[in-house]
Amino acid sequence: MDINIYIAPEFEIACDILYLKPEELLQAFIDNVSLPYFNSSLFCAGFNIEDNPEKISTKKDIKMIATEFTIGHSHLFNHRLVPAQEVHKEYIKNLKELLERLKGEPSRERRYQLLVFLYDDWRKEIITEMSEKDAIIDVKARKIKLRINSK
């Protein structure tokens, strides 16, 4: 997949001053975006910070910050009509139900794994329902990558 992006001057300045390669910083950000990790956090799972059963740091970590930025950016700036809306409605309902059930699950790893399964299924169903002429996602390539048979 080829991606062409414009590098803003402020980003270049930050990379130069902090002595970072832009591609390494962007890759690190990309590697840290995780909806399952974000939703499996103690806060999202309904645990009281003081009753932290896993002794996980309660300070925001890199994965939380990267994912929170991605979600916030999507809510504020993504004004595109989302395809497969019925699929989204179904999985948002499923996510809410799962998050409610996970409130009693003390293991973050278990919460994380259950959320990974949900998000993987959600993605596959969206890609299955999307037109192969979609303007944003190369649906044909995604179907091949995800081993989804074309309709």
N, C-alpha and C. Protein backbone atom coordinates (compact mmCIF):
# COMPACT_ATOMS: atom_id res chain seq x y z
N MET A 1 0.84 -1.16 0.00
CA MET A 1 0.00 0.00 0.00
C MET A 1 0.89 1.23 0.00
N ASP A 2 0.68 2.11 -0.95
CA ASP A 2 1.41 3.37 -1.01
C ASP A 2 0.56 4.46 -0.38
N ILE A 3 1.19 5.29 0.43
CA ILE A 3 0.50 6.38 1.08
C ILE A 3 1.28 7.66 0.81
N ASN A 4 0.61 8.66 0.28
CA ASN A 4 1.23 9.96 0.04
C ASN A 4 0.65 10.94 1.03
N ILE A 5 1.52 11.60 1.80
CA ILE A 5 1.05 12.57 2.78
C ILE A 5 1.88 13.84 2.69
N TYR A 6 1.28 14.93 3.11
CA TYR A 6 1.96 16.21 3.22
C TYR A 6 2.53 16.30 4.63
N ILE A 7 3.76 16.68 4.76
CA ILE A 7 4.39 16.85 6.07
C ILE A 7 4.36 18.34 6.41
N ALA A 8 3.60 18.69 7.45
CA ALA A 8 3.47 20.09 7.88
C ALA A 8 4.80 20.59 8.44
N PRO A 9 5.09 21.89 8.26
CA PRO A 9 6.35 22.44 8.78
C PRO A 9 6.54 22.22 10.28
N GLU A 10 5.45 22.34 11.07
CA GLU A 10 5.58 22.13 12.52
C GLU A 10 6.01 20.70 12.85
N PHE A 11 5.51 19.74 12.06
CA PHE A 11 5.90 18.35 12.26
C PHE A 11 7.39 18.18 11.95
N GLU A 12 7.84 18.79 10.86
CA GLU A 12 9.26 18.72 10.51
C GLU A 12 10.13 19.36 11.60
N ILE A 13 9.68 20.51 12.11
CA ILE A 13 10.43 21.19 13.17
C ILE A 13 10.54 20.28 14.39
N ALA A 14 9.41 19.69 14.80
CA ALA A 14 9.42 18.80 15.97
C ALA A 14 10.37 17.63 15.74
N CYS A 15 10.32 17.03 14.56
CA CYS A 15 11.19 15.89 14.27
C CYS A 15 12.66 16.30 14.29
N ASP A 16 12.97 17.47 13.71
CA ASP A 16 14.36 17.94 13.69
C ASP A 16 14.86 18.23 15.10
N ILE A 17 14.06 18.94 15.87
CA ILE A 17 14.49 19.32 17.22
C ILE A 17 14.62 18.10 18.12
N LEU A 18 13.68 17.17 18.00
CA LEU A 18 13.72 15.97 18.83
C LEU A 18 14.58 14.86 18.22
N TYR A 19 15.18 15.16 17.05
CA TYR A 19 16.05 14.24 16.33
C TYR A 19 15.34 12.90 16.07
N LEU A 20 14.20 13.02 15.40
CA LEU A 20 13.39 11.85 15.05
C LEU A 20 13.24 11.77 13.54
N LYS A 21 13.23 10.55 13.03
CA LYS A 21 12.89 10.35 11.63
C LYS A 21 11.37 10.39 11.52
N PRO A 22 10.82 11.24 10.63
CA PRO A 22 9.36 11.33 10.51
C PRO A 22 8.69 9.98 10.27
N GLU A 23 9.28 9.17 9.42
CA GLU A 23 8.67 7.87 9.11
C GLU A 23 8.67 6.94 10.32
N GLU A 24 9.69 7.04 11.18
CA GLU A 24 9.71 6.22 12.39
C GLU A 24 8.66 6.68 13.39
N LEU A 25 8.50 8.00 13.53
CA LEU A 25 7.48 8.53 14.43
C LEU A 25 6.08 8.17 13.95
N LEU A 26 5.82 8.33 12.66
CA LEU A 26 4.51 7.96 12.11
C LEU A 26 4.26 6.47 12.27
N GLN A 27 5.28 5.65 12.03
CA GLN A 27 5.11 4.21 12.17
C GLN A 27 4.83 3.84 13.62
N ALA A 28 5.50 4.50 14.56
CA ALA A 28 5.25 4.23 15.98
C ALA A 28 3.81 4.59 16.34
N PHE A 29 3.33 5.70 15.82
CA PHE A 29 1.93 6.10 16.08
C PHE A 29 1.00 5.04 15.51
N ILE A 30 1.22 4.66 14.27
CA ILE A 30 0.38 3.65 13.61
C ILE A 30 0.39 2.34 14.39
N ASP A 31 1.55 1.95 14.85
CA ASP A 31 1.67 0.69 15.59
C ASP A 31 0.95 0.71 16.94
N ASN A 32 0.65 1.90 17.43
CA ASN A 32 0.04 2.01 18.75
C ASN A 32 -1.45 2.29 18.75
N VAL A 33 -2.08 2.41 17.60
CA VAL A 33 -3.53 2.60 17.55
C VAL A 33 -4.18 1.23 17.70
N SER A 34 -5.01 1.08 18.74
CA SER A 34 -5.65 -0.21 19.01
C SER A 34 -6.98 0.00 19.71
N LEU A 35 -8.07 -0.21 19.00
CA LEU A 35 -9.40 -0.12 19.61
C LEU A 35 -9.58 -1.17 20.71
N PRO A 36 -9.17 -2.42 20.50
CA PRO A 36 -9.32 -3.40 21.59
C PRO A 36 -8.54 -3.01 22.84
N TYR A 37 -7.32 -2.55 22.68
CA TYR A 37 -6.51 -2.13 23.83
C TYR A 37 -7.19 -0.98 24.55
N PHE A 38 -7.64 0.01 23.78
CA PHE A 38 -8.30 1.18 24.34
C PHE A 38 -9.54 0.78 25.13
N ASN A 39 -10.37 -0.08 24.56
CA ASN A 39 -11.61 -0.47 25.21
C ASN A 39 -11.42 -1.51 26.32
N SER A 40 -10.25 -2.11 26.39
CA SER A 40 -10.01 -3.09 27.46
C SER A 40 -9.36 -2.43 28.67
N SER A 41 -9.13 -1.11 28.59
CA SER A 41 -8.49 -0.41 29.71
C SER A 41 -9.34 -0.52 30.96
N LEU A 42 -8.70 -0.33 32.09
CA LEU A 42 -9.41 -0.39 33.36
C LEU A 42 -10.54 0.64 33.41
N PHE A 43 -10.28 1.83 32.91
CA PHE A 43 -11.30 2.87 32.92
C PHE A 43 -12.51 2.45 32.09
N CYS A 44 -12.26 1.98 30.87
CA CYS A 44 -13.36 1.59 29.99
C CYS A 44 -14.08 0.36 30.50
N ALA A 45 -13.37 -0.49 31.23
CA ALA A 45 -13.99 -1.71 31.74
C ALA A 45 -14.77 -1.46 33.03
N GLY A 46 -14.76 -0.22 33.50
CA GLY A 46 -15.56 0.12 34.66
C GLY A 46 -14.89 -0.13 35.99
N PHE A 47 -13.57 -0.30 36.01
CA PHE A 47 -12.86 -0.53 37.26
C PHE A 47 -12.51 0.80 37.91
N ASN A 48 -12.53 0.82 39.20
CA ASN A 48 -12.10 1.97 39.97
C ASN A 48 -10.58 2.00 39.92
N ILE A 49 -10.02 3.17 39.65
CA ILE A 49 -8.57 3.29 39.54
C ILE A 49 -7.86 2.78 40.80
N GLU A 50 -8.43 3.07 41.98
CA GLU A 50 -7.80 2.64 43.23
C GLU A 50 -7.83 1.12 43.39
N ASP A 51 -8.80 0.47 42.77
CA ASP A 51 -8.92 -0.99 42.87
C ASP A 51 -8.32 -1.67 41.65
N ASN A 52 -7.16 -1.22 41.24
CA ASN A 52 -6.48 -1.69 40.05
C ASN A 52 -5.96 -3.11 40.29
N PRO A 53 -6.71 -4.15 39.84
CA PRO A 53 -6.32 -5.52 40.16
C PRO A 53 -5.05 -5.99 39.43
N GLU A 54 -4.68 -5.31 38.35
CA GLU A 54 -3.54 -5.77 37.58
C GLU A 54 -2.29 -4.93 37.82
N LYS A 55 -2.39 -3.94 38.68
CA LYS A 55 -1.28 -3.04 38.98
C LYS A 55 -0.73 -2.40 37.71
N ILE A 56 -1.63 -2.12 36.75
CA ILE A 56 -1.25 -1.45 35.50
C ILE A 56 -1.17 0.04 35.79
N SER A 57 -0.22 0.71 35.18
CA SER A 57 -0.11 2.15 35.37
C SER A 57 -1.41 2.81 34.95
N THR A 58 -1.89 3.71 35.77
CA THR A 58 -3.13 4.40 35.44
C THR A 58 -2.87 5.67 34.63
N LYS A 59 -1.61 6.03 34.43
CA LYS A 59 -1.28 7.16 33.57
C LYS A 59 -1.54 6.73 32.13
N LYS A 60 -1.93 7.70 31.32
CA LYS A 60 -2.18 7.37 29.92
C LYS A 60 -0.89 6.88 29.28
N ASP A 61 -0.98 5.74 28.62
CA ASP A 61 0.19 5.24 27.92
C ASP A 61 0.08 5.59 26.44
N ILE A 62 1.11 5.27 25.70
CA ILE A 62 1.19 5.63 24.29
C ILE A 62 0.03 5.05 23.49
N LYS A 63 -0.33 3.79 23.71
CA LYS A 63 -1.43 3.17 22.97
C LYS A 63 -2.75 3.91 23.23
N MET A 64 -2.97 4.31 24.47
CA MET A 64 -4.20 5.03 24.80
C MET A 64 -4.22 6.39 24.10
N ILE A 65 -3.09 7.09 24.12
CA ILE A 65 -3.02 8.42 23.52
C ILE A 65 -3.22 8.34 22.01
N ALA A 66 -2.55 7.39 21.34
CA ALA A 66 -2.67 7.25 19.89
C ALA A 66 -4.09 6.89 19.49
N THR A 67 -4.71 5.99 20.22
CA THR A 67 -6.07 5.56 19.89
C THR A 67 -7.07 6.67 20.18
N GLU A 68 -6.89 7.34 21.31
CA GLU A 68 -7.78 8.45 21.66
C GLU A 68 -7.70 9.55 20.60
N PHE A 69 -6.50 9.85 20.11
CA PHE A 69 -6.35 10.85 19.05
C PHE A 69 -7.09 10.40 17.80
N THR A 70 -6.94 9.13 17.43
CA THR A 70 -7.58 8.60 16.22
C THR A 70 -9.10 8.70 16.32
N ILE A 71 -9.65 8.29 17.45
CA ILE A 71 -11.10 8.35 17.65
C ILE A 71 -11.57 9.81 17.64
N GLY A 72 -10.86 10.67 18.36
CA GLY A 72 -11.23 12.09 18.40
C GLY A 72 -11.17 12.73 17.03
N HIS A 73 -10.12 12.43 16.28
CA HIS A 73 -9.99 12.98 14.93
C HIS A 73 -11.15 12.51 14.05
N SER A 74 -11.49 11.26 14.15
CA SER A 74 -12.60 10.72 13.36
C SER A 74 -13.91 11.42 13.70
N HIS A 75 -14.18 11.60 14.99
CA HIS A 75 -15.42 12.25 15.41
C HIS A 75 -15.48 13.72 14.99
N LEU A 76 -14.35 14.41 15.04
CA LEU A 76 -14.34 15.84 14.73
C LEU A 76 -14.25 16.15 13.24
N PHE A 77 -13.51 15.34 12.50
CA PHE A 77 -13.18 15.74 11.13
C PHE A 77 -13.65 14.79 10.03
N ASN A 78 -14.08 13.61 10.37
CA ASN A 78 -14.51 12.67 9.33
C ASN A 78 -16.01 12.85 9.09
N HIS A 79 -16.33 13.59 8.04
CA HIS A 79 -17.73 13.89 7.73
C HIS A 79 -18.25 13.04 6.57
N ARG A 80 -17.54 11.96 6.28
CA ARG A 80 -17.98 11.07 5.21
C ARG A 80 -19.12 10.19 5.70
N LEU A 81 -20.01 9.85 4.79
CA LEU A 81 -21.08 8.91 5.10
C LEU A 81 -20.45 7.52 5.21
N VAL A 82 -20.59 6.90 6.36
CA VAL A 82 -19.97 5.60 6.63
C VAL A 82 -20.74 4.51 5.88
N PRO A 83 -20.04 3.66 5.12
CA PRO A 83 -20.73 2.57 4.43
C PRO A 83 -21.16 1.47 5.41
N ALA A 84 -22.04 0.61 4.95
CA ALA A 84 -22.50 -0.55 5.73
C ALA A 84 -23.04 -0.11 7.09
N GLN A 85 -23.92 0.88 7.08
CA GLN A 85 -24.42 1.46 8.33
C GLN A 85 -25.15 0.45 9.20
N GLU A 86 -25.87 -0.47 8.60
CA GLU A 86 -26.57 -1.48 9.40
C GLU A 86 -25.58 -2.37 10.14
N VAL A 87 -24.47 -2.66 9.50
CA VAL A 87 -23.42 -3.45 10.16
C VAL A 87 -22.88 -2.67 11.35
N HIS A 88 -22.62 -1.38 11.15
CA HIS A 88 -22.12 -0.55 12.25
C HIS A 88 -23.11 -0.53 13.42
N LYS A 89 -24.38 -0.33 13.12
CA LYS A 89 -25.40 -0.30 14.18
C LYS A 89 -25.40 -1.60 14.97
N GLU A 90 -25.34 -2.72 14.26
CA GLU A 90 -25.33 -4.02 14.92
C GLU A 90 -24.10 -4.18 15.82
N TYR A 91 -22.93 -3.80 15.30
CA TYR A 91 -21.70 -4.00 16.07
C TYR A 91 -21.53 -2.98 17.19
N ILE A 92 -22.07 -1.79 17.04
CA ILE A 92 -22.04 -0.84 18.15
C ILE A 92 -22.87 -1.40 19.30
N LYS A 93 -24.01 -1.97 18.96
CA LYS A 93 -24.85 -2.63 19.98
C LYS A 93 -24.07 -3.78 20.63
N ASN A 94 -23.43 -4.61 19.80
CA ASN A 94 -22.63 -5.73 20.32
C ASN A 94 -21.49 -5.24 21.20
N LEU A 95 -20.84 -4.13 20.80
CA LEU A 95 -19.73 -3.58 21.58
C LEU A 95 -20.23 -3.12 22.95
N LYS A 96 -21.34 -2.40 22.97
CA LYS A 96 -21.90 -1.93 24.25
C LYS A 96 -22.22 -3.10 25.16
N GLU A 97 -22.82 -4.15 24.61
CA GLU A 97 -23.15 -5.33 25.41
C GLU A 97 -21.89 -6.01 25.93
N LEU A 98 -20.89 -6.14 25.07
CA LEU A 98 -19.64 -6.78 25.49
C LEU A 98 -18.95 -5.95 26.57
N LEU A 99 -18.88 -4.64 26.40
CA LEU A 99 -18.24 -3.79 27.41
C LEU A 99 -18.95 -3.91 28.75
N GLU A 100 -20.25 -4.03 28.72
CA GLU A 100 -21.00 -4.20 29.96
C GLU A 100 -20.64 -5.53 30.62
N ARG A 101 -20.55 -6.60 29.82
CA ARG A 101 -20.17 -7.91 30.37
C ARG A 101 -18.74 -7.91 30.89
N LEU A 102 -17.86 -7.14 30.24
CA LEU A 102 -16.45 -7.13 30.62
C LEU A 102 -16.18 -6.35 31.91
N LYS A 103 -17.17 -5.62 32.40
CA LYS A 103 -16.97 -4.89 33.65
C LYS A 103 -16.62 -5.82 34.79
N GLY A 104 -17.08 -7.06 34.74
CA GLY A 104 -16.76 -8.02 35.79
C GLY A 104 -15.53 -8.84 35.51
N GLU A 105 -14.86 -8.61 34.39
CA GLU A 105 -13.68 -9.40 34.02
C GLU A 105 -12.42 -8.71 34.52
N PRO A 106 -11.72 -9.29 35.50
CA PRO A 106 -10.54 -8.65 36.07
C PRO A 106 -9.30 -8.70 35.18
N SER A 107 -9.24 -9.62 34.22
CA SER A 107 -8.04 -9.76 33.39
C SER A 107 -8.12 -8.85 32.16
N ARG A 108 -7.18 -7.91 32.09
CA ARG A 108 -7.14 -7.03 30.92
C ARG A 108 -6.87 -7.85 29.66
N GLU A 109 -6.01 -8.84 29.76
CA GLU A 109 -5.69 -9.68 28.60
C GLU A 109 -6.94 -10.36 28.06
N ARG A 110 -7.76 -10.87 28.94
CA ARG A 110 -9.03 -11.52 28.53
C ARG A 110 -9.97 -10.49 27.90
N ARG A 111 -10.09 -9.30 28.51
CA ARG A 111 -10.92 -8.24 27.93
C ARG A 111 -10.40 -7.88 26.54
N TYR A 112 -9.08 -7.73 26.45
CA TYR A 112 -8.44 -7.37 25.19
C TYR A 112 -8.75 -8.41 24.10
N GLN A 113 -8.56 -9.68 24.41
CA GLN A 113 -8.78 -10.74 23.42
C GLN A 113 -10.22 -10.78 22.94
N LEU A 114 -11.17 -10.65 23.85
CA LEU A 114 -12.59 -10.66 23.46
C LEU A 114 -12.91 -9.47 22.57
N LEU A 115 -12.30 -8.33 22.85
CA LEU A 115 -12.51 -7.15 22.01
C LEU A 115 -11.84 -7.30 20.65
N VAL A 116 -10.67 -7.93 20.60
CA VAL A 116 -10.01 -8.19 19.32
C VAL A 116 -10.93 -9.02 18.42
N PHE A 117 -11.53 -10.07 18.98
CA PHE A 117 -12.45 -10.91 18.19
C PHE A 117 -13.62 -10.09 17.66
N LEU A 118 -14.20 -9.25 18.51
CA LEU A 118 -15.33 -8.43 18.09
C LEU A 118 -14.93 -7.48 16.96
N TYR A 119 -13.83 -6.75 17.14
CA TYR A 119 -13.39 -5.80 16.12
C TYR A 119 -12.99 -6.49 14.82
N ASP A 120 -12.38 -7.67 14.90
CA ASP A 120 -12.04 -8.42 13.69
C ASP A 120 -13.30 -8.81 12.92
N ASP A 121 -14.30 -9.32 13.63
CA ASP A 121 -15.56 -9.69 12.98
C ASP A 121 -16.24 -8.46 12.38
N TRP A 122 -16.24 -7.36 13.12
CA TRP A 122 -16.85 -6.11 12.67
C TRP A 122 -16.21 -5.67 11.35
N ARG A 123 -14.88 -5.65 11.34
CA ARG A 123 -14.16 -5.23 10.13
C ARG A 123 -14.50 -6.13 8.94
N LYS A 124 -14.46 -7.43 9.15
CA LYS A 124 -14.73 -8.36 8.06
C LYS A 124 -16.13 -8.18 7.50
N GLU A 125 -17.11 -7.97 8.39
CA GLU A 125 -18.48 -7.79 7.92
C GLU A 125 -18.63 -6.48 7.16
N ILE A 126 -17.96 -5.43 7.62
CA ILE A 126 -18.00 -4.15 6.89
C ILE A 126 -17.41 -4.32 5.50
N ILE A 127 -16.24 -4.91 5.42
CA ILE A 127 -15.58 -5.10 4.12
C ILE A 127 -16.43 -5.98 3.21
N THR A 128 -17.05 -7.00 3.76
CA THR A 128 -17.92 -7.88 2.98
C THR A 128 -19.09 -7.10 2.38
N GLU A 129 -19.64 -6.16 3.12
CA GLU A 129 -20.82 -5.41 2.68
C GLU A 129 -20.50 -4.20 1.80
N MET A 130 -19.24 -3.80 1.74
CA MET A 130 -18.87 -2.60 1.00
C MET A 130 -18.78 -2.87 -0.50
N SER A 131 -19.03 -1.82 -1.27
CA SER A 131 -18.87 -1.87 -2.72
C SER A 131 -17.38 -1.94 -3.04
N GLU A 132 -17.03 -2.70 -4.04
CA GLU A 132 -15.62 -2.78 -4.44
C GLU A 132 -15.18 -1.50 -5.15
N LYS A 133 -16.11 -0.57 -5.34
CA LYS A 133 -15.79 0.72 -5.96
C LYS A 133 -15.70 1.82 -4.89
N ASP A 134 -15.51 1.45 -3.64
CA ASP A 134 -15.44 2.42 -2.55
C ASP A 134 -14.29 3.39 -2.80
N ALA A 135 -14.52 4.66 -2.45
CA ALA A 135 -13.52 5.71 -2.70
C ALA A 135 -12.41 5.76 -1.66
N ILE A 136 -12.63 5.22 -0.48
CA ILE A 136 -11.65 5.33 0.60
C ILE A 136 -10.85 4.05 0.80
N ILE A 137 -11.51 2.93 0.77
CA ILE A 137 -10.87 1.64 1.04
C ILE A 137 -10.78 0.81 -0.24
N ASP A 138 -9.63 0.22 -0.47
CA ASP A 138 -9.46 -0.71 -1.59
C ASP A 138 -10.07 -2.04 -1.14
N VAL A 139 -11.37 -2.17 -1.36
CA VAL A 139 -12.13 -3.31 -0.85
C VAL A 139 -11.62 -4.63 -1.42
N LYS A 140 -11.31 -4.64 -2.68
CA LYS A 140 -10.83 -5.88 -3.31
C LYS A 140 -9.54 -6.36 -2.63
N ALA A 141 -8.60 -5.44 -2.39
CA ALA A 141 -7.34 -5.80 -1.73
C ALA A 141 -7.59 -6.25 -0.29
N ARG A 142 -8.52 -5.56 0.42
CA ARG A 142 -8.82 -5.94 1.80
C ARG A 142 -9.44 -7.34 1.85
N LYS A 143 -10.32 -7.64 0.89
CA LYS A 143 -10.95 -8.97 0.86
C LYS A 143 -9.89 -10.04 0.66
N ILE A 144 -8.93 -9.78 -0.20
CA ILE A 144 -7.86 -10.75 -0.42
C ILE A 144 -7.05 -10.91 0.87
N LYS A 145 -6.67 -9.79 1.48
CA LYS A 145 -5.87 -9.82 2.70
C LYS A 145 -6.60 -10.55 3.83
N LEU A 146 -7.90 -10.32 3.94
CA LEU A 146 -8.69 -10.93 5.01
C LEU A 146 -9.29 -12.29 4.64
N ARG A 147 -8.98 -12.75 3.44
CA ARG A 147 -9.48 -14.03 2.92
C ARG A 147 -11.02 -14.09 2.94
N ILE A 148 -11.60 -13.02 2.41
CA ILE A 148 -13.05 -12.92 2.30
C ILE A 148 -13.42 -13.18 0.86
N ASN A 149 -14.34 -14.11 0.63
CA ASN A 149 -14.79 -14.38 -0.73
C ASN A 149 -15.67 -13.23 -1.21
N SER A 150 -15.44 -12.78 -2.44
CA SER A 150 -16.26 -11.71 -3.02
C SER A 150 -17.66 -12.22 -3.26
N LYS A 151 -18.61 -11.27 -3.12
CA LYS A 151 -20.02 -11.61 -3.37
C LYS A 151 -20.27 -11.71 -4.85
